[in-house]
Amino acid sequence: MSKTKATASAAPAPAPKLKLGLPKGSLQDATLEKFAKAGWNITVSSRSYEPYVDDPELQIRLIRAQEIGRYVALGYLDAGLSSWRDLANDRCRNLSLLGSFSGSSM
């Protein structure tokens, strides 16, 4: 009698998520409005630093704008939105500015 081994099929690996830091505080509402205009619905709970976003490829963290550059530089985040002033004050020299929002303090 031959014995056959049962092979369990491995579940597919989850798709990698873009870890994105968004500013908490005075820049938060303007940032969320820009994302809403672009088609992303982000729901923020008053007690959470990880809001819900309707895109399974995004993982968003709400962080103080002054700290976003540091977290990107250290690799905790893949990208982030912050003010130029906060990045300059934090001396984040190894970061690249990819764009800016006209008519905004960001």
PDB file of N, CA and C in Angstrom:
ATOM      1  N   MET A   1       0.843  -1.158   0.000  1.00  0.00           N
ATOM      2  CA  MET A   1       0.000   0.000   0.000  1.00  0.00           C
ATOM      3  C   MET A   1       0.896   1.232   0.000  1.00  0.00           C
ATOM      4  N   SER A   2       0.653   2.135  -0.892  1.00  0.00           N
ATOM      5  CA  SER A   2       1.493   3.337  -0.950  1.00  0.00           C
ATOM      6  C   SER A   2       0.851   4.466  -0.155  1.00  0.00           C
ATOM      7  N   LYS A   3       1.723   5.165   0.477  1.00  0.00           N
ATOM      8  CA  LYS A   3       1.235   6.316   1.252  1.00  0.00           C
ATOM      9  C   LYS A   3       1.525   7.580   0.460  1.00  0.00           C
ATOM     10  N   THR A   4       0.568   8.454   0.414  1.00  0.00           N
ATOM     11  CA  THR A   4       0.770   9.743  -0.253  1.00  0.00           C
ATOM     12  C   THR A   4       0.753  10.841   0.799  1.00  0.00           C
ATOM     13  N   LYS A   5       1.615  11.795   0.569  1.00  0.00           N
ATOM     14  CA  LYS A   5       1.667  12.914   1.499  1.00  0.00           C
ATOM     15  C   LYS A   5       0.658  13.967   1.062  1.00  0.00           C
ATOM     16  N   ALA A   6      -0.035  14.475   2.026  1.00  0.00           N
ATOM     17  CA  ALA A   6      -0.945  15.576   1.736  1.00  0.00           C
ATOM     18  C   ALA A   6      -0.150  16.873   1.809  1.00  0.00           C
ATOM     19  N   THR A   7      -0.265  17.653   0.780  1.00  0.00           N
ATOM     20  CA  THR A   7       0.441  18.928   0.776  1.00  0.00           C
ATOM     21  C   THR A   7      -0.565  20.045   0.983  1.00  0.00           C
ATOM     22  N   ALA A   8      -0.261  20.853   1.932  1.00  0.00           N
ATOM     23  CA  ALA A   8      -1.113  22.017   2.177  1.00  0.00           C
ATOM     24  C   ALA A   8      -0.638  23.142   1.271  1.00  0.00           C
ATOM     25  N   SER A   9      -1.576  23.718   0.588  1.00  0.00           N
ATOM     26  CA  SER A   9      -1.186  24.839  -0.266  1.00  0.00           C
ATOM     27  C   SER A   9      -1.040  26.080   0.616  1.00  0.00           C
ATOM     28  N   ALA A  10       0.062  26.717   0.433  1.00  0.00           N
ATOM     29  CA  ALA A  10       0.326  27.914   1.223  1.00  0.00           C
ATOM     30  C   ALA A  10      -0.549  29.056   0.741  1.00  0.00           C
ATOM     31  N   ALA A  11      -1.041  29.818   1.676  1.00  0.00           N
ATOM     32  CA  ALA A  11      -1.849  30.980   1.319  1.00  0.00           C
ATOM     33  C   ALA A  11      -0.951  32.000   0.636  1.00  0.00           C
ATOM     34  N   PRO A  12      -1.477  32.711  -0.326  1.00  0.00           N
ATOM     35  CA  PRO A  12      -0.650  33.718  -0.992  1.00  0.00           C
ATOM     36  C   PRO A  12      -0.220  34.791  -0.002  1.00  0.00           C
ATOM     37  N   ALA A  13       0.971  35.267  -0.201  1.00  0.00           N
ATOM     38  CA  ALA A  13       1.489  36.311   0.682  1.00  0.00           C
ATOM     39  C   ALA A  13       0.662  37.579   0.492  1.00  0.00           C
ATOM     40  N   PRO A  14       0.393  38.278   1.589  1.00  0.00           N
ATOM     41  CA  PRO A  14      -0.381  39.513   1.440  1.00  0.00           C
ATOM     42  C   PRO A  14       0.397  40.545   0.629  1.00  0.00           C
ATOM     43  N   ALA A  15      -0.339  41.325  -0.120  1.00  0.00           N
ATOM     44  CA  ALA A  15       0.300  42.355  -0.936  1.00  0.00           C
ATOM     45  C   ALA A  15       0.980  43.376  -0.029  1.00  0.00           C
ATOM     46  N   PRO A  16       2.155  43.837  -0.413  1.00  0.00           N
ATOM     47  CA  PRO A  16       2.824  44.833   0.414  1.00  0.00           C
ATOM     48  C   PRO A  16       2.035  46.141   0.421  1.00  0.00           C
ATOM     49  N   LYS A  17       2.067  46.803   1.552  1.00  0.00           N
ATOM     50  CA  LYS A  17       1.346  48.063   1.690  1.00  0.00           C
ATOM     51  C   LYS A  17       2.330  49.219   1.722  1.00  0.00           C
ATOM     52  N   LEU A  18       1.916  50.338   1.179  1.00  0.00           N
ATOM     53  CA  LEU A  18       2.689  51.561   1.260  1.00  0.00           C
ATOM     54  C   LEU A  18       2.414  52.179   2.619  1.00  0.00           C
ATOM     55  N   LYS A  19       3.448  52.319   3.431  1.00  0.00           N
ATOM     56  CA  LYS A  19       3.314  52.918   4.760  1.00  0.00           C
ATOM     57  C   LYS A  19       3.475  54.430   4.612  1.00  0.00           C
ATOM     58  N   LEU A  20       2.381  55.140   4.820  1.00  0.00           N
ATOM     59  CA  LEU A  20       2.327  56.569   4.553  1.00  0.00           C
ATOM     60  C   LEU A  20       2.042  57.333   5.834  1.00  0.00           C
ATOM     61  N   GLY A  21       2.871  58.322   6.131  1.00  0.00           N
ATOM     62  CA  GLY A  21       2.671  59.167   7.296  1.00  0.00           C
ATOM     63  C   GLY A  21       1.956  60.452   6.915  1.00  0.00           C
ATOM     64  N   LEU A  22       0.855  60.719   7.576  1.00  0.00           N
ATOM     65  CA  LEU A  22       0.111  61.952   7.358  1.00  0.00           C
ATOM     66  C   LEU A  22       0.148  62.775   8.636  1.00  0.00           C
ATOM     67  N   PRO A  23       0.117  64.111   8.500  1.00  0.00           N
ATOM     68  CA  PRO A  23       0.242  64.956   9.678  1.00  0.00           C
ATOM     69  C   PRO A  23      -1.007  64.968  10.545  1.00  0.00           C
ATOM     70  N   LYS A  24      -0.786  64.845  11.828  1.00  0.00           N
ATOM     71  CA  LYS A  24      -1.851  64.983  12.815  1.00  0.00           C
ATOM     72  C   LYS A  24      -1.789  66.417  13.321  1.00  0.00           C
ATOM     73  N   GLY A  25      -2.914  66.996  13.620  1.00  0.00           N
ATOM     74  CA  GLY A  25      -2.925  68.355  14.141  1.00  0.00           C
ATOM     75  C   GLY A  25      -3.423  69.352  13.123  1.00  0.00           C
ATOM     76  N   SER A  26      -2.763  70.513  13.049  1.00  0.00           N
ATOM     77  CA  SER A  26      -3.271  71.626  12.238  1.00  0.00           C
ATOM     78  C   SER A  26      -3.302  71.314  10.740  1.00  0.00           C
ATOM     79  N   LEU A  27      -2.442  70.431  10.240  1.00  0.00           N
ATOM     80  CA  LEU A  27      -2.429  70.093   8.811  1.00  0.00           C
ATOM     81  C   LEU A  27      -3.339  68.906   8.467  1.00  0.00           C
ATOM     82  N   GLN A  28      -3.899  68.268   9.485  1.00  0.00           N
ATOM     83  CA  GLN A  28      -4.651  67.028   9.272  1.00  0.00           C
ATOM     84  C   GLN A  28      -5.882  67.227   8.388  1.00  0.00           C
ATOM     85  N   ASP A  29      -6.718  68.198   8.695  1.00  0.00           N
ATOM     86  CA  ASP A  29      -7.957  68.370   7.929  1.00  0.00           C
ATOM     87  C   ASP A  29      -7.680  68.701   6.466  1.00  0.00           C
ATOM     88  N   ALA A  30      -6.737  69.604   6.217  1.00  0.00           N
ATOM     89  CA  ALA A  30      -6.409  69.962   4.833  1.00  0.00           C
ATOM     90  C   ALA A  30      -5.865  68.755   4.070  1.00  0.00           C
ATOM     91  N   THR A  31      -5.064  67.943   4.732  1.00  0.00           N
ATOM     92  CA  THR A  31      -4.497  66.750   4.095  1.00  0.00           C
ATOM     93  C   THR A  31      -5.589  65.751   3.753  1.00  0.00           C
ATOM     94  N   LEU A  32      -6.490  65.501   4.692  1.00  0.00           N
ATOM     95  CA  LEU A  32      -7.570  64.545   4.446  1.00  0.00           C
ATOM     96  C   LEU A  32      -8.502  65.040   3.343  1.00  0.00           C
ATOM     97  N   GLU A  33      -8.711  66.361   3.259  1.00  0.00           N
ATOM     98  CA  GLU A  33      -9.524  66.912   2.169  1.00  0.00           C
ATOM     99  C   GLU A  33      -8.863  66.670   0.818  1.00  0.00           C
ATOM    100  N   LYS A  34      -7.552  66.828   0.741  1.00  0.00           N
ATOM    101  CA  LYS A  34      -6.840  66.585  -0.525  1.00  0.00           C
ATOM    102  C   LYS A  34      -6.936  65.107  -0.921  1.00  0.00           C
ATOM    103  N   PHE A  35      -6.820  64.213   0.034  1.00  0.00           N
ATOM    104  CA  PHE A  35      -6.960  62.790  -0.262  1.00  0.00           C
ATOM    105  C   PHE A  35      -8.390  62.466  -0.701  1.00  0.00           C
ATOM    106  N   ALA A  36      -9.377  63.092  -0.086  1.00  0.00           N
ATOM    107  CA  ALA A  36     -10.777  62.867  -0.481  1.00  0.00           C
ATOM    108  C   ALA A  36     -11.004  63.338  -1.914  1.00  0.00           C
ATOM    109  N   LYS A  37     -10.435  64.480  -2.280  1.00  0.00           N
ATOM    110  CA  LYS A  37     -10.572  64.966  -3.657  1.00  0.00           C
ATOM    111  C   LYS A  37      -9.908  64.023  -4.647  1.00  0.00           C
ATOM    112  N   ALA A  38      -8.873  63.317  -4.195  1.00  0.00           N
ATOM    113  CA  ALA A  38      -8.175  62.372  -5.064  1.00  0.00           C
ATOM    114  C   ALA A  38      -8.863  61.005  -5.095  1.00  0.00           C
ATOM    115  N   GLY A  39      -9.916  60.824  -4.285  1.00  0.00           N
ATOM    116  CA  GLY A  39     -10.683  59.582  -4.341  1.00  0.00           C
ATOM    117  C   GLY A  39     -10.475  58.618  -3.193  1.00  0.00           C
ATOM    118  N   TRP A  40      -9.641  58.957  -2.229  1.00  0.00           N
ATOM    119  CA  TRP A  40      -9.443  58.081  -1.074  1.00  0.00           C
ATOM    120  C   TRP A  40     -10.316  58.557   0.076  1.00  0.00           C
ATOM    121  N   ASN A  41     -11.038  57.634   0.671  1.00  0.00           N
ATOM    122  CA  ASN A  41     -11.839  57.941   1.847  1.00  0.00           C
ATOM    123  C   ASN A  41     -11.079  57.489   3.078  1.00  0.00           C
ATOM    124  N   ILE A  42     -10.750  58.437   3.923  1.00  0.00           N
ATOM    125  CA  ILE A  42      -9.989  58.162   5.137  1.00  0.00           C
ATOM    126  C   ILE A  42     -10.857  58.555   6.321  1.00  0.00           C
ATOM    127  N   THR A  43     -11.051  57.608   7.227  1.00  0.00           N
ATOM    128  CA  THR A  43     -11.853  57.846   8.418  1.00  0.00           C
ATOM    129  C   THR A  43     -10.946  57.811   9.629  1.00  0.00           C
ATOM    130  N   VAL A  44     -10.986  58.883  10.402  1.00  0.00           N
ATOM    131  CA  VAL A  44     -10.106  59.017  11.558  1.00  0.00           C
ATOM    132  C   VAL A  44     -10.922  58.889  12.841  1.00  0.00           C
ATOM    133  N   SER A  45     -10.450  58.034  13.728  1.00  0.00           N
ATOM    134  CA  SER A  45     -11.019  57.931  15.066  1.00  0.00           C
ATOM    135  C   SER A  45     -10.224  58.864  15.971  1.00  0.00           C
ATOM    136  N   SER A  46     -10.881  59.490  16.897  1.00  0.00           N
ATOM    137  CA  SER A  46     -10.190  60.449  17.762  1.00  0.00           C
ATOM    138  C   SER A  46      -9.135  59.789  18.642  1.00  0.00           C
ATOM    139  N   ARG A  47      -9.197  58.497  18.845  1.00  0.00           N
ATOM    140  CA  ARG A  47      -8.262  57.815  19.738  1.00  0.00           C
ATOM    141  C   ARG A  47      -7.246  56.938  19.025  1.00  0.00           C
ATOM    142  N   SER A  48      -7.216  56.990  17.710  1.00  0.00           N
ATOM    143  CA  SER A  48      -6.337  56.090  16.963  1.00  0.00           C
ATOM    144  C   SER A  48      -5.348  56.872  16.110  1.00  0.00           C
ATOM    145  N   TYR A  49      -4.149  56.334  15.991  1.00  0.00           N
ATOM    146  CA  TYR A  49      -3.148  56.905  15.100  1.00  0.00           C
ATOM    147  C   TYR A  49      -3.112  56.163  13.773  1.00  0.00           C
ATOM    148  N   GLU A  50      -3.989  55.157  13.613  1.00  0.00           N
ATOM    149  CA  GLU A  50      -4.064  54.407  12.357  1.00  0.00           C
ATOM    150  C   GLU A  50      -5.487  54.510  11.816  1.00  0.00           C
ATOM    151  N   PRO A  51      -5.738  55.489  10.947  1.00  0.00           N
ATOM    152  CA  PRO A  51      -7.095  55.661  10.420  1.00  0.00           C
ATOM    153  C   PRO A  51      -7.453  54.584   9.404  1.00  0.00           C
ATOM    154  N   TYR A  52      -8.740  54.454   9.149  1.00  0.00           N
ATOM    155  CA  TYR A  52      -9.217  53.539   8.116  1.00  0.00           C
ATOM    156  C   TYR A  52      -9.081  54.234   6.769  1.00  0.00           C
ATOM    157  N   VAL A  53      -8.588  53.510   5.771  1.00  0.00           N
ATOM    158  CA  VAL A  53      -8.531  54.020   4.404  1.00  0.00           C
ATOM    159  C   VAL A  53      -9.113  52.937   3.497  1.00  0.00           C
ATOM    160  N   ASP A  54      -9.846  53.355   2.479  1.00  0.00           N
ATOM    161  CA  ASP A  54     -10.541  52.401   1.613  1.00  0.00           C
ATOM    162  C   ASP A  54      -9.653  51.812   0.516  1.00  0.00           C
ATOM    163  N   ASP A  55      -8.362  51.843   0.711  1.00  0.00           N
ATOM    164  CA  ASP A  55      -7.415  51.268  -0.247  1.00  0.00           C
ATOM    165  C   ASP A  55      -6.585  50.208   0.483  1.00  0.00           C
ATOM    166  N   PRO A  56      -6.710  48.936   0.091  1.00  0.00           N
ATOM    167  CA  PRO A  56      -5.989  47.874   0.797  1.00  0.00           C
ATOM    168  C   PRO A  56      -4.470  47.941   0.622  1.00  0.00           C
ATOM    169  N   GLU A  57      -3.985  48.771  -0.292  1.00  0.00           N
ATOM    170  CA  GLU A  57      -2.545  48.878  -0.503  1.00  0.00           C
ATOM    171  C   GLU A  57      -1.908  50.007   0.306  1.00  0.00           C
ATOM    172  N   LEU A  58      -2.712  50.725   1.094  1.00  0.00           N
ATOM    173  CA  LEU A  58      -2.196  51.817   1.919  1.00  0.00           C
ATOM    174  C   LEU A  58      -2.307  51.477   3.396  1.00  0.00           C
ATOM    175  N   GLN A  59      -1.293  51.829   4.128  1.00  0.00           N
ATOM    176  CA  GLN A  59      -1.315  51.751   5.587  1.00  0.00           C
ATOM    177  C   GLN A  59      -0.928  53.149   6.074  1.00  0.00           C
ATOM    178  N   ILE A  60      -1.887  53.838   6.647  1.00  0.00           N
ATOM    179  CA  ILE A  60      -1.677  55.235   7.019  1.00  0.00           C
ATOM    180  C   ILE A  60      -1.457  55.357   8.518  1.00  0.00           C
ATOM    181  N   ARG A  61      -0.527  56.232   8.872  1.00  0.00           N
ATOM    182  CA  ARG A  61      -0.270  56.571  10.267  1.00  0.00           C
ATOM    183  C   ARG A  61      -0.402  58.082  10.411  1.00  0.00           C
ATOM    184  N   LEU A  62      -1.101  58.521  11.431  1.00  0.00           N
ATOM    185  CA  LEU A  62      -1.164  59.943  11.753  1.00  0.00           C
ATOM    186  C   LEU A  62      -0.063  60.238  12.759  1.00  0.00           C
ATOM    187  N   ILE A  63       0.791  61.171  12.403  1.00  0.00           N
ATOM    188  CA  ILE A  63       1.975  61.472  13.202  1.00  0.00           C
ATOM    189  C   ILE A  63       2.140  62.987  13.224  1.00  0.00           C
ATOM    190  N   ARG A  64       2.745  63.499  14.263  1.00  0.00           N
ATOM    191  CA  ARG A  64       3.048  64.932  14.280  1.00  0.00           C
ATOM    192  C   ARG A  64       3.904  65.271  13.066  1.00  0.00           C
ATOM    193  N   ALA A  65       3.570  66.360  12.404  1.00  0.00           N
ATOM    194  CA  ALA A  65       4.255  66.740  11.160  1.00  0.00           C
ATOM    195  C   ALA A  65       5.766  66.863  11.363  1.00  0.00           C
ATOM    196  N   GLN A  66       6.186  67.311  12.544  1.00  0.00           N
ATOM    197  CA  GLN A  66       7.612  67.479  12.825  1.00  0.00           C
ATOM    198  C   GLN A  66       8.366  66.147  12.839  1.00  0.00           C
ATOM    199  N   GLU A  67       7.676  65.048  13.058  1.00  0.00           N
ATOM    200  CA  GLU A  67       8.330  63.743  13.195  1.00  0.00           C
ATOM    201  C   GLU A  67       8.295  62.907  11.919  1.00  0.00           C
ATOM    202  N   ILE A  68       7.500  63.293  10.937  1.00  0.00           N
ATOM    203  CA  ILE A  68       7.315  62.477   9.742  1.00  0.00           C
ATOM    204  C   ILE A  68       8.633  62.284   8.998  1.00  0.00           C
ATOM    205  N   GLY A  69       9.391  63.323   8.793  1.00  0.00           N
ATOM    206  CA  GLY A  69      10.670  63.203   8.092  1.00  0.00           C
ATOM    207  C   GLY A  69      11.614  62.233   8.766  1.00  0.00           C
ATOM    208  N   ARG A  70      11.669  62.281  10.076  1.00  0.00           N
ATOM    209  CA  ARG A  70      12.541  61.371  10.831  1.00  0.00           C
ATOM    210  C   ARG A  70      12.116  59.921  10.638  1.00  0.00           C
ATOM    211  N   TYR A  71      10.795  59.659  10.682  1.00  0.00           N
ATOM    212  CA  TYR A  71      10.316  58.287  10.524  1.00  0.00           C
ATOM    213  C   TYR A  71      10.554  57.753   9.110  1.00  0.00           C
ATOM    214  N   VAL A  72      10.468  58.623   8.113  1.00  0.00           N
ATOM    215  CA  VAL A  72      10.778  58.202   6.743  1.00  0.00           C
ATOM    216  C   VAL A  72      12.271  57.921   6.632  1.00  0.00           C
ATOM    217  N   ALA A  73      13.093  58.802   7.181  1.00  0.00           N
ATOM    218  CA  ALA A  73      14.547  58.628   7.117  1.00  0.00           C
ATOM    219  C   ALA A  73      14.996  57.347   7.813  1.00  0.00           C
ATOM    220  N   LEU A  74      14.319  56.971   8.887  1.00  0.00           N
ATOM    221  CA  LEU A  74      14.671  55.754   9.624  1.00  0.00           C
ATOM    222  C   LEU A  74      14.060  54.493   9.015  1.00  0.00           C
ATOM    223  N   GLY A  75      13.177  54.649   8.030  1.00  0.00           N
ATOM    224  CA  GLY A  75      12.582  53.490   7.372  1.00  0.00           C
ATOM    225  C   GLY A  75      11.311  52.972   8.005  1.00  0.00           C
ATOM    226  N   TYR A  76      10.777  53.665   9.016  1.00  0.00           N
ATOM    227  CA  TYR A  76       9.512  53.240   9.627  1.00  0.00           C
ATOM    228  C   TYR A  76       8.332  53.526   8.701  1.00  0.00           C
ATOM    229  N   LEU A  77       8.486  54.547   7.852  1.00  0.00           N
ATOM    230  CA  LEU A  77       7.472  54.902   6.862  1.00  0.00           C
ATOM    231  C   LEU A  77       8.118  54.887   5.484  1.00  0.00           C
ATOM    232  N   ASP A  78       7.327  54.593   4.460  1.00  0.00           N
ATOM    233  CA  ASP A  78       7.835  54.641   3.090  1.00  0.00           C
ATOM    234  C   ASP A  78       7.810  56.066   2.541  1.00  0.00           C
ATOM    235  N   ALA A  79       6.821  56.845   2.962  1.00  0.00           N
ATOM    236  CA  ALA A  79       6.667  58.224   2.492  1.00  0.00           C
ATOM    237  C   ALA A  79       5.812  58.970   3.498  1.00  0.00           C
ATOM    238  N   GLY A  80       5.802  60.291   3.362  1.00  0.00           N
ATOM    239  CA  GLY A  80       4.987  61.085   4.263  1.00  0.00           C
ATOM    240  C   GLY A  80       4.755  62.471   3.720  1.00  0.00           C
ATOM    241  N   LEU A  81       3.740  63.136   4.260  1.00  0.00           N
ATOM    242  CA  LEU A  81       3.441  64.520   3.918  1.00  0.00           C
ATOM    243  C   LEU A  81       3.718  65.371   5.143  1.00  0.00           C
ATOM    244  N   SER A  82       4.452  66.422   4.931  1.00  0.00           N
ATOM    245  CA  SER A  82       4.802  67.311   6.022  1.00  0.00           C
ATOM    246  C   SER A  82       5.060  68.689   5.455  1.00  0.00           C
ATOM    247  N   SER A  83       5.275  69.645   6.319  1.00  0.00           N
ATOM    248  CA  SER A  83       5.613  70.976   5.829  1.00  0.00           C
ATOM    249  C   SER A  83       7.113  71.048   5.573  1.00  0.00           C
ATOM    250  N   TRP A  84       7.486  71.876   4.631  1.00  0.00           N
ATOM    251  CA  TRP A  84       8.904  72.047   4.312  1.00  0.00           C
ATOM    252  C   TRP A  84       9.661  72.553   5.534  1.00  0.00           C
ATOM    253  N   ARG A  85       9.038  73.437   6.285  1.00  0.00           N
ATOM    254  CA  ARG A  85       9.655  73.980   7.491  1.00  0.00           C
ATOM    255  C   ARG A  85      10.006  72.871   8.492  1.00  0.00           C
ATOM    256  N   ASP A  86       9.090  71.923   8.672  1.00  0.00           N
ATOM    257  CA  ASP A  86       9.353  70.830   9.616  1.00  0.00           C
ATOM    258  C   ASP A  86      10.489  69.940   9.142  1.00  0.00           C
ATOM    259  N   LEU A  87      10.567  69.704   7.848  1.00  0.00           N
ATOM    260  CA  LEU A  87      11.663  68.887   7.322  1.00  0.00           C
ATOM    261  C   LEU A  87      12.996  69.606   7.477  1.00  0.00           C
ATOM    262  N   ALA A  88      13.009  70.907   7.206  1.00  0.00           N
ATOM    263  CA  ALA A  88      14.250  71.673   7.325  1.00  0.00           C
ATOM    264  C   ALA A  88      14.698  71.755   8.781  1.00  0.00           C
ATOM    265  N   ASN A  89      13.751  71.933   9.692  1.00  0.00           N
ATOM    266  CA  ASN A  89      14.097  72.011  11.110  1.00  0.00           C
ATOM    267  C   ASN A  89      14.641  70.694  11.637  1.00  0.00           C
ATOM    268  N   ASP A  90      14.201  69.589  11.059  1.00  0.00           N
ATOM    269  CA  ASP A  90      14.639  68.271  11.514  1.00  0.00           C
ATOM    270  C   ASP A  90      15.932  67.840  10.828  1.00  0.00           C
ATOM    271  N   ARG A  91      16.425  68.641   9.892  1.00  0.00           N
ATOM    272  CA  ARG A  91      17.666  68.360   9.162  1.00  0.00           C
ATOM    273  C   ARG A  91      17.639  66.988   8.484  1.00  0.00           C
ATOM    274  N   CYS A  92      16.540  66.707   7.801  1.00  0.00           N
ATOM    275  CA  CYS A  92      16.380  65.434   7.086  1.00  0.00           C
ATOM    276  C   CYS A  92      17.073  65.546   5.735  1.00  0.00           C
ATOM    277  N   ARG A  93      18.350  65.384   5.720  1.00  0.00           N
ATOM    278  CA  ARG A  93      19.131  65.610   4.500  1.00  0.00           C
ATOM    279  C   ARG A  93      19.019  64.486   3.482  1.00  0.00           C
ATOM    280  N   ASN A  94      18.709  63.289   3.918  1.00  0.00           N
ATOM    281  CA  ASN A  94      18.669  62.181   2.969  1.00  0.00           C
ATOM    282  C   ASN A  94      17.264  61.942   2.403  1.00  0.00           C
ATOM    283  N   LEU A  95      16.378  62.924   2.533  1.00  0.00           N
ATOM    284  CA  LEU A  95      15.033  62.807   1.984  1.00  0.00           C
ATOM    285  C   LEU A  95      14.926  63.625   0.706  1.00  0.00           C
ATOM    286  N   SER A  96      13.986  63.237  -0.145  1.00  0.00           N
ATOM    287  CA  SER A  96      13.765  63.964  -1.402  1.00  0.00           C
ATOM    288  C   SER A  96      12.387  64.591  -1.390  1.00  0.00           C
ATOM    289  N   LEU A  97      12.309  65.819  -1.823  1.00  0.00           N
ATOM    290  CA  LEU A  97      11.040  66.498  -1.992  1.00  0.00           C
ATOM    291  C   LEU A  97      10.466  66.053  -3.329  1.00  0.00           C
ATOM    292  N   LEU A  98       9.279  65.443  -3.286  1.00  0.00           N
ATOM    293  CA  LEU A  98       8.682  64.939  -4.517  1.00  0.00           C
ATOM    294  C   LEU A  98       7.665  65.899  -5.106  1.00  0.00           C
ATOM    295  N   GLY A  99       7.172  66.818  -4.309  1.00  0.00           N
ATOM    296  CA  GLY A  99       6.194  67.759  -4.826  1.00  0.00           C
ATOM    297  C   GLY A  99       5.709  68.664  -3.725  1.00  0.00           C
ATOM    298  N   SER A 100       4.868  69.609  -4.106  1.00  0.00           N
ATOM    299  CA  SER A 100       4.299  70.512  -3.119  1.00  0.00           C
ATOM    300  C   SER A 100       2.864  70.824  -3.516  1.00  0.00           C
ATOM    301  N   PHE A 101       2.117  71.282  -2.548  1.00  0.00           N
ATOM    302  CA  PHE A 101       0.732  71.681  -2.777  1.00  0.00           C
ATOM    303  C   PHE A 101       0.710  73.191  -2.889  1.00  0.00           C
ATOM    304  N   SER A 102       0.241  73.703  -4.015  1.00  0.00           N
ATOM    305  CA  SER A 102       0.194  75.154  -4.184  1.00  0.00           C
ATOM    306  C   SER A 102      -0.924  75.726  -3.309  1.00  0.00           C
ATOM    307  N   GLY A 103      -0.654  76.906  -2.771  1.00  0.00           N
ATOM    308  CA  GLY A 103      -1.631  77.570  -1.941  1.00  0.00           C
ATOM    309  C   GLY A 103      -1.834  76.907  -0.600  1.00  0.00           C
ATOM    310  N   SER A 104      -0.812  76.216  -0.131  1.00  0.00           N
ATOM    311  CA  SER A 104      -0.925  75.482   1.120  1.00  0.00           C
ATOM    312  C   SER A 104       0.327  75.693   1.942  1.00  0.00           C
ATOM    313  N   SER A 105       0.210  75.426   3.233  1.00  0.00           N
ATOM    314  CA  SER A 105       1.380  75.525   4.094  1.00  0.00           C
ATOM    315  C   SER A 105       2.161  74.215   4.131  1.00  0.00           C
ATOM    316  N   MET A 106       1.746  73.262   3.335  1.00  0.00           N
ATOM    317  CA  MET A 106       2.435  71.966   3.295  1.00  0.00           C
ATOM    318  C   MET A 106       3.538  71.992   2.282  1.00  0.00           C
TER     319      MET A 106
END
